[in-house]
C-alpha atoms as a PDB file:
ATOM      1  CA  MET A   1    -105.504-125.336 -44.628  1.00  0.00           C
ATOM      2  CA  PRO A   2    -107.876-124.430 -47.446  1.00  0.00           C
ATOM      3  CA  ALA A   3    -111.125-126.290 -47.845  1.00  0.00           C
ATOM      4  CA  SER A   4    -110.817-129.067 -50.644  1.00  0.00           C
ATOM      5  CA  HIS A   5    -112.653-128.543 -53.857  1.00  0.00           C
ATOM      6  CA  GLU A   6    -114.704-131.179 -55.635  1.00  0.00           C
ATOM      7  CA  THR A   7    -112.059-131.591 -58.317  1.00  0.00           C
ATOM      8  CA  ASP A   8    -109.470-132.228 -55.485  1.00  0.00           C
ATOM      9  CA  LEU A   9    -111.172-135.358 -54.304  1.00  0.00           C
ATOM     10  CA  ASP A  10    -109.242-138.333 -54.833  1.00  0.00           C
ATOM     11  CA  PRO A  11    -111.195-140.755 -56.981  1.00  0.00           C
ATOM     12  CA  ALA A  12    -109.953-143.870 -55.321  1.00  0.00           C
ATOM     13  CA  LEU A  13    -111.154-142.548 -51.855  1.00  0.00           C
ATOM     14  CA  PHE A  14    -114.599-141.288 -53.206  1.00  0.00           C
ATOM     15  CA  THR A  15    -115.292-144.683 -54.663  1.00  0.00           C
ATOM     16  CA  ALA A  16    -114.324-146.388 -51.541  1.00  0.00           C
ATOM     17  CA  THR A  17    -116.614-143.970 -49.637  1.00  0.00           C
ATOM     18  CA  VAL A  18    -119.554-144.584 -51.906  1.00  0.00           C
ATOM     19  CA  THR A  19    -118.863-148.344 -51.762  1.00  0.00           C
ATOM     20  CA  SER A  20    -119.262-147.985 -48.120  1.00  0.00           C
ATOM     21  CA  LEU A  21    -122.484-146.101 -48.239  1.00  0.00           C
ATOM     22  CA  ALA A  22    -123.835-148.737 -50.744  1.00  0.00           C
ATOM     23  CA  HIS A  23    -122.891-151.609 -48.263  1.00  0.00           C
ATOM     24  CA  SER A  24    -124.869-149.710 -45.665  1.00  0.00           C
ATOM     25  CA  PHE A  25    -127.801-149.994 -48.177  1.00  0.00           C
ATOM     26  CA  GLY A  26    -127.251-153.528 -48.888  1.00  0.00           C
ATOM     27  CA  ASP A  27    -127.408-153.065 -52.739  1.00  0.00           C
ATOM     28  CA  ASN A  28    -124.781-152.527 -55.517  1.00  0.00           C
ATOM     29  CA  THR A  29    -127.483-151.078 -58.044  1.00  0.00           C
ATOM     30  CA  ARG A  30    -127.944-148.223 -55.634  1.00  0.00           C
ATOM     31  CA  ARG A  31    -124.211-147.428 -55.828  1.00  0.00           C
ATOM     32  CA  LYS A  32    -124.190-147.542 -59.639  1.00  0.00           C
ATOM     33  CA  ILE A  33    -127.017-145.126 -59.447  1.00  0.00           C
ATOM     34  CA  TYR A  34    -125.514-142.717 -57.495  1.00  0.00           C
ATOM     35  CA  LEU A  35    -122.084-142.781 -58.989  1.00  0.00           C
ATOM     36  CA  TYR A  36    -123.669-142.202 -62.275  1.00  0.00           C
ATOM     37  CA  LEU A  37    -125.910-139.346 -61.041  1.00  0.00           C
ATOM     38  CA  ARG A  38    -122.531-137.626 -59.597  1.00  0.00           C
ATOM     39  CA  GLU A  39    -121.224-137.790 -63.228  1.00  0.00           C
ATOM     40  CA  ASN A  40    -124.528-137.243 -65.130  1.00  0.00           C
ATOM     41  CA  PRO A  41    -126.737-134.885 -63.290  1.00  0.00           C
ATOM     42  CA  GLY A  42    -130.052-134.623 -64.593  1.00  0.00           C
ATOM     43  CA  ALA A  43    -130.592-138.170 -65.790  1.00  0.00           C
ATOM     44  CA  THR A  44    -133.953-139.635 -65.865  1.00  0.00           C
ATOM     45  CA  ALA A  45    -135.109-143.106 -64.355  1.00  0.00           C
ATOM     46  CA  THR A  46    -135.314-144.358 -67.864  1.00  0.00           C
ATOM     47  CA  GLN A  47    -131.702-143.405 -68.563  1.00  0.00           C
ATOM     48  CA  LEU A  48    -130.696-145.018 -65.260  1.00  0.00           C
ATOM     49  CA  ALA A  49    -132.543-148.103 -66.095  1.00  0.00           C
ATOM     50  CA  HIS A  50    -130.647-148.400 -69.296  1.00  0.00           C
ATOM     51  CA  HIS A  51    -127.504-147.788 -67.602  1.00  0.00           C
ATOM     52  CA  CYS A  52    -127.943-150.246 -64.795  1.00  0.00           C
ATOM     53  CA  GLY A  53    -129.638-152.915 -67.067  1.00  0.00           C
ATOM     54  CA  VAL A  54    -132.653-153.138 -64.562  1.00  0.00           C
ATOM     55  CA  HIS A  55    -136.442-152.480 -64.889  1.00  0.00           C
ATOM     56  CA  ALA A  56    -137.254-148.776 -64.403  1.00  0.00           C
ATOM     57  CA  ASN A  57    -139.469-149.716 -61.429  1.00  0.00           C
ATOM     58  CA  VAL A  58    -136.246-151.043 -59.554  1.00  0.00           C
ATOM     59  CA  VAL A  59    -134.565-147.782 -60.424  1.00  0.00           C
ATOM     60  CA  ARG A  60    -137.322-145.773 -58.952  1.00  0.00           C
ATOM     61  CA  HIS A  61    -137.364-147.587 -55.876  1.00  0.00           C
ATOM     62  CA  HIS A  62    -133.666-147.063 -55.258  1.00  0.00           C
ATOM     63  CA  LEU A  63    -134.114-143.349 -56.103  1.00  0.00           C
ATOM     64  CA  GLU A  64    -136.976-143.008 -53.660  1.00  0.00           C
ATOM     65  CA  ARG A  65    -134.433-144.620 -51.017  1.00  0.00           C
ATOM     66  CA  LEU A  66    -131.755-142.325 -51.920  1.00  0.00           C
ATOM     67  CA  THR A  67    -133.967-139.108 -51.965  1.00  0.00           C
ATOM     68  CA  GLU A  68    -135.599-139.931 -48.568  1.00  0.00           C
ATOM     69  CA  GLY A  69    -131.803-140.264 -47.086  1.00  0.00           C
ATOM     70  CA  GLY A  70    -130.976-136.756 -48.449  1.00  0.00           C
ATOM     71  CA  TYR A  71    -128.425-137.948 -51.055  1.00  0.00           C
ATOM     72  CA  VAL A  72    -130.205-137.474 -54.050  1.00  0.00           C
ATOM     73  CA  THR A  73    -132.897-134.746 -55.461  1.00  0.00           C
ATOM     74  CA  TYR A  74    -134.610-133.964 -58.756  1.00  0.00           C
ATOM     75  CA  ASP A  75    -135.934-131.325 -60.905  1.00  0.00           C
ATOM     76  CA  ASN A  76    -138.622-131.471 -63.255  1.00  0.00           C
ATOM     77  CA  VAL A  77    -137.521-131.602 -66.997  1.00  0.00           C
ATOM     78  CA  HIS A  78    -140.085-130.156 -69.355  1.00  0.00           C
ATOM     79  CA  ARG A  79    -140.737-132.317 -72.442  1.00  0.00           C
ATOM     80  CA  THR A  80    -141.385-131.002 -76.069  1.00  0.00           C
ATOM     81  CA  THR A  81    -143.909-133.873 -76.310  1.00  0.00           C
ATOM     82  CA  VAL A  82    -147.236-134.347 -74.611  1.00  0.00           C
ATOM     83  CA  GLY A  83    -146.972-135.801 -71.127  1.00  0.00           C
ATOM     84  CA  ARG A  84    -145.942-135.063 -67.700  1.00  0.00           C
ATOM     85  CA  PRO A  85    -142.558-133.525 -67.076  1.00  0.00           C
ATOM     86  CA  ALA A  86    -139.916-136.166 -66.335  1.00  0.00           C
ATOM     87  CA  LYS A  87    -137.808-135.980 -63.204  1.00  0.00           C
ATOM     88  CA  GLY A  88    -134.026-135.079 -63.618  1.00  0.00           C
ATOM     89  CA  TYR A  89    -132.274-136.590 -60.791  1.00  0.00           C
ATOM     90  CA  ARG A  90    -128.803-135.395 -59.235  1.00  0.00           C
ATOM     91  CA  VAL A  91    -126.749-135.824 -56.178  1.00  0.00           C
ATOM     92  CA  VAL A  92    -127.228-133.368 -53.297  1.00  0.00           C
ATOM     93  CA  ASP A  93    -123.691-133.421 -51.779  1.00  0.00           C
ATOM     94  CA  THR A  94    -120.779-134.733 -54.050  1.00  0.00           C
ATOM     95  CA  THR A  95    -118.549-135.192 -50.832  1.00  0.00           C
ATOM     96  CA  VAL A  96    -120.923-137.786 -49.548  1.00  0.00           C
ATOM     97  CA  ALA A  97    -121.064-137.699 -45.892  1.00  0.00           C
ATOM     98  CA  ILE A  98    -121.906-141.332 -44.780  1.00  0.00           C
ATOM     99  CA  GLU A  99    -121.754-141.499 -40.877  1.00  0.00           C
ATOM    100  CA  GLY A 100    -125.357-140.367 -40.164  1.00  0.00           C
ATOM    101  CA  SER A 101    -126.542-142.969 -42.622  1.00  0.00           C
ATOM    102  CA  LEU A 102    -124.540-145.720 -40.889  1.00  0.00           C
ATOM    103  CA  ARG A 103    -125.771-144.643 -37.448  1.00  0.00           C
ATOM    104  CA  ARG A 104    -129.448-144.548 -38.722  1.00  0.00           C
ATOM    105  CA  ASP A 105    -129.066-147.925 -40.472  1.00  0.00           C
ATOM    106  CA  ALA A 106    -127.762-149.585 -37.215  1.00  0.00           C
ATOM    107  CA  LEU A 107    -130.641-148.187 -35.298  1.00  0.00           C
ATOM    108  CA  LEU A 108    -133.257-149.562 -37.669  1.00  0.00           C
ATOM    109  CA  VAL A 109    -131.686-152.970 -37.632  1.00  0.00           C
ATOM    110  CA  ALA A 110    -132.016-152.988 -33.733  1.00  0.00           C
ATOM    111  CA  LEU A 111    -135.439-151.771 -33.995  1.00  0.00           C
ATOM    112  CA  LEU A 112    -136.310-154.376 -36.406  1.00  0.00           C
ATOM    113  CA  GLU A 113    -134.804-157.220 -34.371  1.00  0.00           C
ATOM    114  CA  MET A 114    -136.352-156.126 -31.089  1.00  0.00           C
ATOM    115  CA  ALA A 115    -139.705-155.831 -32.980  1.00  0.00           C
ATOM    116  CA  LEU A 116    -139.551-159.257 -34.249  1.00  0.00           C
ATOM    117  CA  GLU A 117    -138.610-160.659 -30.646  1.00  0.00           C
ATOM    118  CA  ARG A 118    -141.815-159.127 -29.289  1.00  0.00           C
ATOM    119  CA  LEU A 119    -143.988-159.973 -31.648  1.00  0.00           C
ATOM    120  CA  GLY A 120    -143.338-163.706 -31.452  1.00  0.00           C
ATOM    121  CA  PRO A 121    -142.643-166.170 -34.126  1.00  0.00           C
ATOM    122  CA  LYS A 122    -146.050-166.705 -35.572  1.00  0.00           C
ATOM    123  CA  ALA A 123    -147.024-162.882 -35.760  1.00  0.00           C
ATOM    124  CA  ALA A 124    -143.613-161.911 -37.206  1.00  0.00           C
ATOM    125  CA  GLU A 125    -143.807-164.543 -39.855  1.00  0.00           C
ATOM    126  CA  SER A 126    -147.143-163.357 -40.804  1.00  0.00           C
ATOM    127  CA  LEU A 127    -145.887-159.766 -40.831  1.00  0.00           C
ATOM    128  CA  ALA A 128    -142.641-160.664 -42.767  1.00  0.00           C
ATOM    129  CA  HIS A 129    -144.596-162.457 -45.410  1.00  0.00           C
ATOM    130  CA  ASP A 130    -147.295-159.580 -45.710  1.00  0.00           C
ATOM    131  CA  VAL A 131    -144.638-157.014 -46.117  1.00  0.00           C
ATOM    132  CA  GLY A 132    -142.860-158.834 -48.751  1.00  0.00           C
ATOM    133  CA  LEU A 133    -146.001-159.708 -50.583  1.00  0.00           C
ATOM    134  CA  GLU A 134    -147.171-156.056 -50.792  1.00  0.00           C
ATOM    135  CA  TYR A 135    -143.605-154.827 -51.794  1.00  0.00           C
ATOM    136  CA  GLY A 136    -143.582-157.445 -54.532  1.00  0.00           C
ATOM    137  CA  ARG A 137    -146.726-156.338 -56.010  1.00  0.00           C
ATOM    138  CA  THR A 138    -145.629-152.778 -55.800  1.00  0.00           C
ATOM    139  CA  LEU A 139    -142.391-153.500 -57.455  1.00  0.00           C
ATOM    140  CA  CYS A 140    -144.239-154.773 -60.561  1.00  0.00           C
ATOM    141  CA  VAL A 141    -146.758-152.282 -61.021  1.00  0.00           C
ATOM    142  CA  GLY A 142    -146.707-151.278 -64.580  1.00  0.00           C
ATOM    143  CA  ALA A 143    -145.131-154.573 -65.636  1.00  0.00           C
ATOM    144  CA  ASN A 144    -148.096-156.644 -65.949  1.00  0.00           C
ATOM    145  CA  THR A 145    -149.436-156.321 -69.755  1.00  0.00           C
ATOM    146  CA  ASN A 146    -152.466-158.185 -68.532  1.00  0.00           C
ATOM    147  CA  ASP A 147    -151.432-160.868 -71.214  1.00  0.00           C
ATOM    148  CA  SER A 148    -153.309-164.185 -69.894  1.00  0.00           C
ATOM    149  CA  SER A 149    -150.478-166.052 -71.697  1.00  0.00           C
ATOM    150  CA  THR A 150    -147.823-165.076 -68.878  1.00  0.00           C
ATOM    151  CA  THR A 151    -146.211-168.132 -67.724  1.00  0.00           C
ATOM    152  CA  VAL A 152    -144.673-168.887 -64.158  1.00  0.00           C
ATOM    153  CA  LYS A 153    -141.435-169.550 -66.262  1.00  0.00           C
ATOM    154  CA  SER A 154    -141.125-166.290 -68.004  1.00  0.00           C
ATOM    155  CA  ALA A 155    -142.266-164.477 -64.603  1.00  0.00           C
ATOM    156  CA  MET A 156    -139.580-166.494 -62.519  1.00  0.00           C
ATOM    157  CA  SER A 157    -136.941-165.246 -65.086  1.00  0.00           C
ATOM    158  CA  SER A 158    -137.899-161.597 -64.734  1.00  0.00           C
ATOM    159  CA  ILE A 159    -138.113-162.194 -60.951  1.00  0.00           C
ATOM    160  CA  ALA A 160    -134.744-163.352 -60.841  1.00  0.00           C
ATOM    161  CA  GLY A 161    -133.465-160.272 -62.689  1.00  0.00           C
ATOM    162  CA  LEU A 162    -135.336-157.975 -60.136  1.00  0.00           C
ATOM    163  CA  LEU A 163    -134.145-159.635 -56.967  1.00  0.00           C
ATOM    164  CA  THR A 164    -130.558-159.498 -58.411  1.00  0.00           C
ATOM    165  CA  ALA A 165    -130.995-155.865 -58.656  1.00  0.00           C
ATOM    166  CA  HIS A 166    -132.002-155.742 -55.067  1.00  0.00           C
ATOM    167  CA  GLY A 167    -128.931-157.626 -53.810  1.00  0.00           C
ATOM    168  CA  PHE A 168    -129.919-161.096 -53.821  1.00  0.00           C
ATOM    169  CA  ALA A 169    -127.629-162.364 -56.581  1.00  0.00           C
ATOM    170  CA  ALA A 170    -130.339-164.571 -58.020  1.00  0.00           C
ATOM    171  CA  ARG A 171    -130.562-167.112 -60.675  1.00  0.00           C
ATOM    172  CA  VAL A 172    -133.198-169.431 -62.338  1.00  0.00           C
ATOM    173  CA  GLU A 173    -133.079-173.201 -62.016  1.00  0.00           C
ATOM    174  CA  GLU A 174    -135.549-175.551 -63.757  1.00  0.00           C
ATOM    175  CA  ASP A 175    -136.379-179.001 -64.302  1.00  0.00           C
ATOM    176  CA  ALA A 176    -139.036-180.608 -66.359  1.00  0.00           C
ATOM    177  CA  SER A 177    -141.960-179.063 -64.297  1.00  0.00           C
ATOM    178  CA  ARG A 178    -140.761-176.599 -61.905  1.00  0.00           C
ATOM    179  CA  GLN A 179    -138.902-173.470 -61.860  1.00  0.00           C
ATOM    180  CA  SER A 180    -136.775-172.105 -58.942  1.00  0.00           C
ATOM    181  CA  VAL A 181    -134.956-168.874 -58.247  1.00  0.00           C
ATOM    182  CA  VAL A 182    -131.800-169.624 -56.214  1.00  0.00           C
ATOM    183  CA  SER A 183    -130.397-166.599 -54.444  1.00  0.00           C
ATOM    184  CA  ASP A 184    -126.561-166.785 -53.472  1.00  0.00           C
ATOM    185  CA  ASN A 185    -126.653-163.526 -51.429  1.00  0.00           C
ATOM    186  CA  CYS A 186    -128.975-162.280 -48.673  1.00  0.00           C
ATOM    187  CA  PRO A 187    -129.310-158.600 -48.190  1.00  0.00           C
ATOM    188  CA  PHE A 188    -130.463-159.083 -44.757  1.00  0.00           C
ATOM    189  CA  GLY A 189    -127.157-160.355 -43.781  1.00  0.00           C
ATOM    190  CA  SER A 190    -126.691-161.424 -40.355  1.00  0.00           C
ATOM    191  CA  ALA A 191    -129.983-160.201 -39.320  1.00  0.00           C
ATOM    192  CA  ALA A 192    -131.475-163.214 -41.262  1.00  0.00           C
ATOM    193  CA  GLN A 193    -129.152-165.725 -39.408  1.00  0.00           C
ATOM    194  CA  HIS A 194    -130.411-164.424 -36.166  1.00  0.00           C
ATOM    195  CA  HIS A 195    -134.049-164.026 -37.108  1.00  0.00           C
ATOM    196  CA  PRO A 196    -134.798-166.579 -39.900  1.00  0.00           C
ATOM    197  CA  VAL A 197    -138.388-165.446 -39.835  1.00  0.00           C
ATOM    198  CA  LEU A 198    -137.016-162.663 -42.262  1.00  0.00           C
ATOM    199  CA  CYS A 199    -137.103-165.455 -45.024  1.00  0.00           C
ATOM    200  CA  ALA A 200    -140.855-165.154 -45.031  1.00  0.00           C
ATOM    201  CA  VAL A 201    -140.186-161.734 -46.641  1.00  0.00           C
ATOM    202  CA  ASP A 202    -138.634-163.535 -49.647  1.00  0.00           C
ATOM    203  CA  ARG A 203    -141.592-165.833 -49.907  1.00  0.00           C
ATOM    204  CA  GLY A 204    -144.062-163.107 -49.844  1.00  0.00           C
ATOM    205  CA  LEU A 205    -141.907-160.763 -52.117  1.00  0.00           C
ATOM    206  CA  ILE A 206    -141.837-163.547 -54.858  1.00  0.00           C
ATOM    207  CA  ALA A 207    -145.428-164.434 -54.491  1.00  0.00           C
ATOM    208  CA  GLY A 208    -146.311-160.697 -54.932  1.00  0.00           C
ATOM    209  CA  MET A 209    -144.009-160.418 -57.924  1.00  0.00           C
ATOM    210  CA  LEU A 210    -145.852-163.491 -59.563  1.00  0.00           C
ATOM    211  CA  GLU A 211    -149.052-161.668 -58.981  1.00  0.00           C
ATOM    212  CA  GLY A 212    -147.718-158.351 -60.270  1.00  0.00           C
ATOM    213  CA  LEU A 213    -146.375-159.944 -63.533  1.00  0.00           C
ATOM    214  CA  GLY A 214    -149.604-161.766 -64.047  1.00  0.00           C
ATOM    215  CA  ALA A 215    -148.332-165.253 -63.725  1.00  0.00           C
ATOM    216  CA  ARG A 216    -151.152-168.208 -63.873  1.00  0.00           C
ATOM    217  CA  SER A 217    -149.933-169.298 -60.322  1.00  0.00           C
ATOM    218  CA  THR A 218    -148.529-167.762 -57.283  1.00  0.00           C
ATOM    219  CA  GLN A 219    -148.136-170.957 -55.229  1.00  0.00           C
ATOM    220  CA  ILE A 220    -144.575-171.281 -53.839  1.00  0.00           C
ATOM    221  CA  THR A 221    -142.226-173.221 -51.563  1.00  0.00           C
ATOM    222  CA  LEU A 222    -139.163-171.721 -49.902  1.00  0.00           C
ATOM    223  CA  THR A 223    -136.026-173.284 -48.416  1.00  0.00           C
ATOM    224  CA  SER A 224    -133.199-171.157 -46.770  1.00  0.00           C
ATOM    225  CA  ARG A 225    -129.757-171.582 -45.454  1.00  0.00           C
ATOM    226  CA  ALA A 226    -130.848-169.377 -42.353  1.00  0.00           C
ATOM    227  CA  ARG A 227    -133.353-172.295 -41.526  1.00  0.00           C
ATOM    228  CA  GLY A 228    -130.804-174.955 -41.993  1.00  0.00           C
ATOM    229  CA  ASP A 229    -131.419-175.804 -45.773  1.00  0.00           C
ATOM    230  CA  ASP A 230    -128.672-176.200 -48.369  1.00  0.00           C
ATOM    231  CA  THR A 231    -129.946-173.218 -50.576  1.00  0.00           C
ATOM    232  CA  CYS A 232    -132.092-170.233 -50.522  1.00  0.00           C
ATOM    233  CA  ARG A 233    -134.544-171.305 -52.947  1.00  0.00           C
ATOM    234  CA  VAL A 234    -138.127-170.421 -53.934  1.00  0.00           C
ATOM    235  CA  THR A 235    -139.887-172.791 -56.296  1.00  0.00           C
ATOM    236  CA  ALA A 236    -143.028-172.244 -58.314  1.00  0.00           C
END
């Protein structure tokens, strides 16, 4: 039987396959980026950010993960104006083989769970918090305008959008004196239920983003369903 060409690939089958790939990553934004690049090779991070409705730094994070996984590559696009060449991204293989990714992700989860068990609760929570803190700072690089008037309220609104783009399905709730980000979905899935210490990543992540956005305070409290609370909520 002759090999199928790209144009012969059933669209529904392709979409289902990419959806499976996205679930292995735990983030719908990554699926949107991949699908857009498949139809629009050469798109830049700025174009992808506009398409997905997220900050360009969020897009760059996902592009790095897709590039590291071998799903996406890029070429330099020469500008007609002054500045460094932009990167035009494209998919590597439009047939999308995902079995290797699924096996690798399962192995990484197993490695993470064993590492947390061997570290012990105190060291594991400290590590999880520090990882979240550093990642939150990195995520907001370039977003801080050094405006001393940045409020916790406006920063928390931005953070809810960034977290949603990372699979948290987050929203802002506020009362007279406090703002909270409530997450309706946990991208860690069952791993967080088995190891609630992973919730410390969320606490560090939001503290790091508050710092990166230049908020006047980075003091927060956290509740989580994995620890027996009613909601996954970070309050500033």
